[in-house]
Amino acid sequence: MTERMTAKQYREQFVEPKAVSSARIVITDMPPSANGLRKSFIKEGKVISVKSDGYSDWRKAAVAEITSQAVGKVEGPYRLSIVAQRHWRTKRARDIDNIIKPISDALVKAGIVQDDSLAECVTARWVDDLQGHAAVIDVEVCDG
């Protein structure tokens, strides 16, 4: 006779990501620059700021891509390392620091980290050949 799983056991085994000490994530589309994450407009005399359409679309796709990789979740303080493809689909120069915020936000939304305020150390650098990927992201628990 087989035992039935409780709902909690099912979630722990099949739904909720397992806690891991490190995770490597690959994304295939470069995030928009942090300079273009929000758009502002005036409504009834007040300035309203909302996520830009491009950022919302990118984040939705990135979260789906990250979630599909089933890498687990890194709990507590963490180190974040981003390696990004230089000149992604353009020769236009970009600032490396402008890709950190959208990637951090996507990691939170995908459940890889609890909150981006827990990042103890963040590094980002350009490379010339990521073999078709926009970025490779490493997240690991900070030991102290």
Protein backbone atom coordinates (compact mmCIF):
# COMPACT_ATOMS: atom_id res chain seq x y z
CA MET A 1 0.00 0.00 0.00
CA THR A 2 1.35 3.44 -0.89
CA GLU A 3 1.11 6.45 1.39
CA ARG A 4 -0.52 9.59 0.16
CA MET A 5 1.47 12.81 0.27
CA THR A 6 0.20 15.74 2.25
CA ALA A 7 -0.19 19.02 0.42
CA LYS A 8 2.86 20.35 2.28
CA GLN A 9 4.99 17.36 1.24
CA TYR A 10 3.88 17.78 -2.37
CA ARG A 11 4.76 21.49 -2.38
CA GLU A 12 8.16 20.82 -0.80
CA GLN A 13 9.01 18.08 -3.29
CA PHE A 14 7.52 19.38 -6.53
CA VAL A 15 6.56 23.04 -6.29
CA GLU A 16 8.72 25.06 -3.91
CA PRO A 17 12.32 25.53 -4.96
CA LYS A 18 14.84 23.78 -2.73
CA ALA A 19 17.29 25.86 -0.73
CA VAL A 20 20.75 25.70 -2.33
CA SER A 21 24.11 27.25 -1.49
CA SER A 22 24.64 28.51 -5.05
CA ALA A 23 22.82 28.82 -8.34
CA ARG A 24 23.89 29.54 -11.91
CA ILE A 25 21.31 31.13 -14.18
CA VAL A 26 21.56 31.88 -17.90
CA ILE A 27 19.40 34.49 -19.58
CA THR A 28 19.04 34.81 -23.32
CA ASP A 29 17.89 38.41 -23.64
CA MET A 30 19.73 41.47 -22.32
CA PRO A 31 17.76 43.49 -19.78
CA PRO A 32 16.88 47.07 -20.57
CA SER A 33 19.09 49.73 -19.06
CA ALA A 34 18.19 50.86 -15.55
CA ASN A 35 17.71 54.28 -17.15
CA GLY A 36 14.63 52.95 -18.99
CA LEU A 37 12.91 50.89 -16.31
CA ARG A 38 10.23 53.46 -15.51
CA LYS A 39 8.16 56.00 -17.36
CA SER A 40 6.52 59.04 -15.83
CA PHE A 41 3.48 61.07 -16.74
CA ILE A 42 1.25 63.67 -15.15
CA LYS A 43 -2.24 62.68 -14.07
CA GLU A 44 -4.54 65.11 -12.27
CA GLY A 45 -1.59 67.37 -11.51
CA LYS A 46 0.54 64.60 -9.97
CA VAL A 47 3.60 62.91 -11.42
CA ILE A 48 2.96 59.17 -11.75
CA SER A 49 5.80 56.69 -12.31
CA VAL A 50 5.18 53.17 -13.62
CA LYS A 51 7.30 50.37 -15.06
CA SER A 52 7.99 50.88 -18.74
CA ASP A 53 6.37 48.45 -21.19
CA GLY A 54 9.79 47.22 -22.37
CA TYR A 55 10.92 46.51 -18.82
CA SER A 56 7.66 44.78 -17.90
CA ASP A 57 7.88 42.57 -20.99
CA TRP A 58 11.57 41.74 -20.40
CA ARG A 59 11.01 40.95 -16.70
CA LYS A 60 8.05 38.68 -17.43
CA ALA A 61 10.09 36.71 -20.01
CA ALA A 62 13.19 36.64 -17.77
CA VAL A 63 11.24 35.35 -14.77
CA ALA A 64 9.75 32.56 -16.90
CA GLU A 65 13.21 31.67 -18.22
CA ILE A 66 14.79 31.73 -14.75
CA THR A 67 11.97 29.69 -13.22
CA SER A 68 12.22 27.07 -15.97
CA GLN A 69 15.85 26.43 -15.01
CA ALA A 70 14.73 25.16 -11.56
CA VAL A 71 17.99 26.10 -9.85
CA GLY A 72 16.57 26.37 -6.34
CA LYS A 73 16.58 29.35 -4.01
CA VAL A 74 19.44 30.99 -2.17
CA GLU A 75 18.32 31.97 1.32
CA GLY A 76 19.69 34.87 3.33
CA PRO A 77 22.57 37.18 2.43
CA TYR A 78 24.17 36.38 -0.92
CA ARG A 79 26.85 37.33 -3.45
CA LEU A 80 25.75 38.17 -6.98
CA SER A 81 28.03 37.89 -9.97
CA ILE A 82 26.90 38.90 -13.46
CA VAL A 83 28.85 38.23 -16.64
CA ALA A 84 27.22 39.91 -19.64
CA GLN A 85 27.79 39.76 -23.38
CA ARG A 86 29.55 42.90 -24.61
CA HIS A 87 27.79 44.66 -27.52
CA TRP A 88 24.66 42.51 -27.25
CA ARG A 89 23.03 42.78 -30.70
CA THR A 90 24.41 46.29 -31.13
CA LYS A 91 27.70 48.17 -31.25
CA ARG A 92 26.26 50.84 -28.96
CA ALA A 93 28.17 51.08 -25.70
CA ARG A 94 26.25 50.41 -22.47
CA ASP A 95 27.12 50.97 -18.84
CA ILE A 96 27.59 47.65 -17.03
CA ASP A 97 26.03 48.96 -13.83
CA ASN A 98 22.71 49.58 -15.61
CA ILE A 99 21.99 45.85 -16.00
CA ILE A 100 22.35 45.02 -12.30
CA LYS A 101 18.98 46.38 -11.10
CA PRO A 102 16.73 44.65 -13.66
CA ILE A 103 18.55 41.33 -13.17
CA SER A 104 18.30 41.64 -9.38
CA ASP A 105 14.57 42.40 -9.66
CA ALA A 106 14.02 39.36 -11.88
CA LEU A 107 15.85 37.11 -9.40
CA VAL A 108 13.52 38.29 -6.62
CA LYS A 109 10.39 37.90 -8.75
CA ALA A 110 11.48 34.37 -9.78
CA GLY A 111 12.04 33.39 -6.13
CA ILE A 112 15.78 32.76 -6.44
CA VAL A 113 16.51 35.29 -3.67
CA GLN A 114 14.14 36.68 -1.06
CA ASP A 115 15.02 40.35 -1.52
CA ASP A 116 17.72 42.19 -3.44
CA SER A 117 18.57 44.16 -0.29
CA LEU A 118 20.21 40.92 0.95
CA ALA A 119 22.97 41.20 -1.67
CA GLU A 120 26.22 41.61 0.29
CA CYS A 121 28.50 41.84 -2.76
CA VAL A 122 27.67 42.50 -6.40
CA THR A 123 30.04 42.23 -9.36
CA ALA A 124 29.33 42.72 -13.04
CA ARG A 125 31.63 42.54 -16.04
CA TRP A 126 31.51 42.38 -19.82
CA VAL A 127 32.86 39.43 -21.80
CA ASP A 128 33.19 38.99 -25.54
CA ASP A 129 31.69 35.53 -26.08
CA LEU A 130 28.88 34.03 -24.02
CA GLN A 131 27.95 31.74 -26.91
CA GLY A 132 24.62 33.36 -27.65
CA HIS A 133 23.56 34.12 -24.09
CA ALA A 134 23.00 37.66 -22.87
CA ALA A 135 24.21 36.99 -19.32
CA VAL A 136 25.33 34.30 -16.92
CA ILE A 137 24.41 34.97 -13.31
CA ASP A 138 25.90 33.30 -10.24
CA VAL A 139 24.22 33.65 -6.87
CA GLU A 140 25.79 32.15 -3.76
CA VAL A 141 25.20 32.23 -0.05
CA CYS A 142 27.43 34.61 1.88
CA ASP A 143 29.19 32.81 4.69
CA GLY A 144 29.78 35.95 6.63
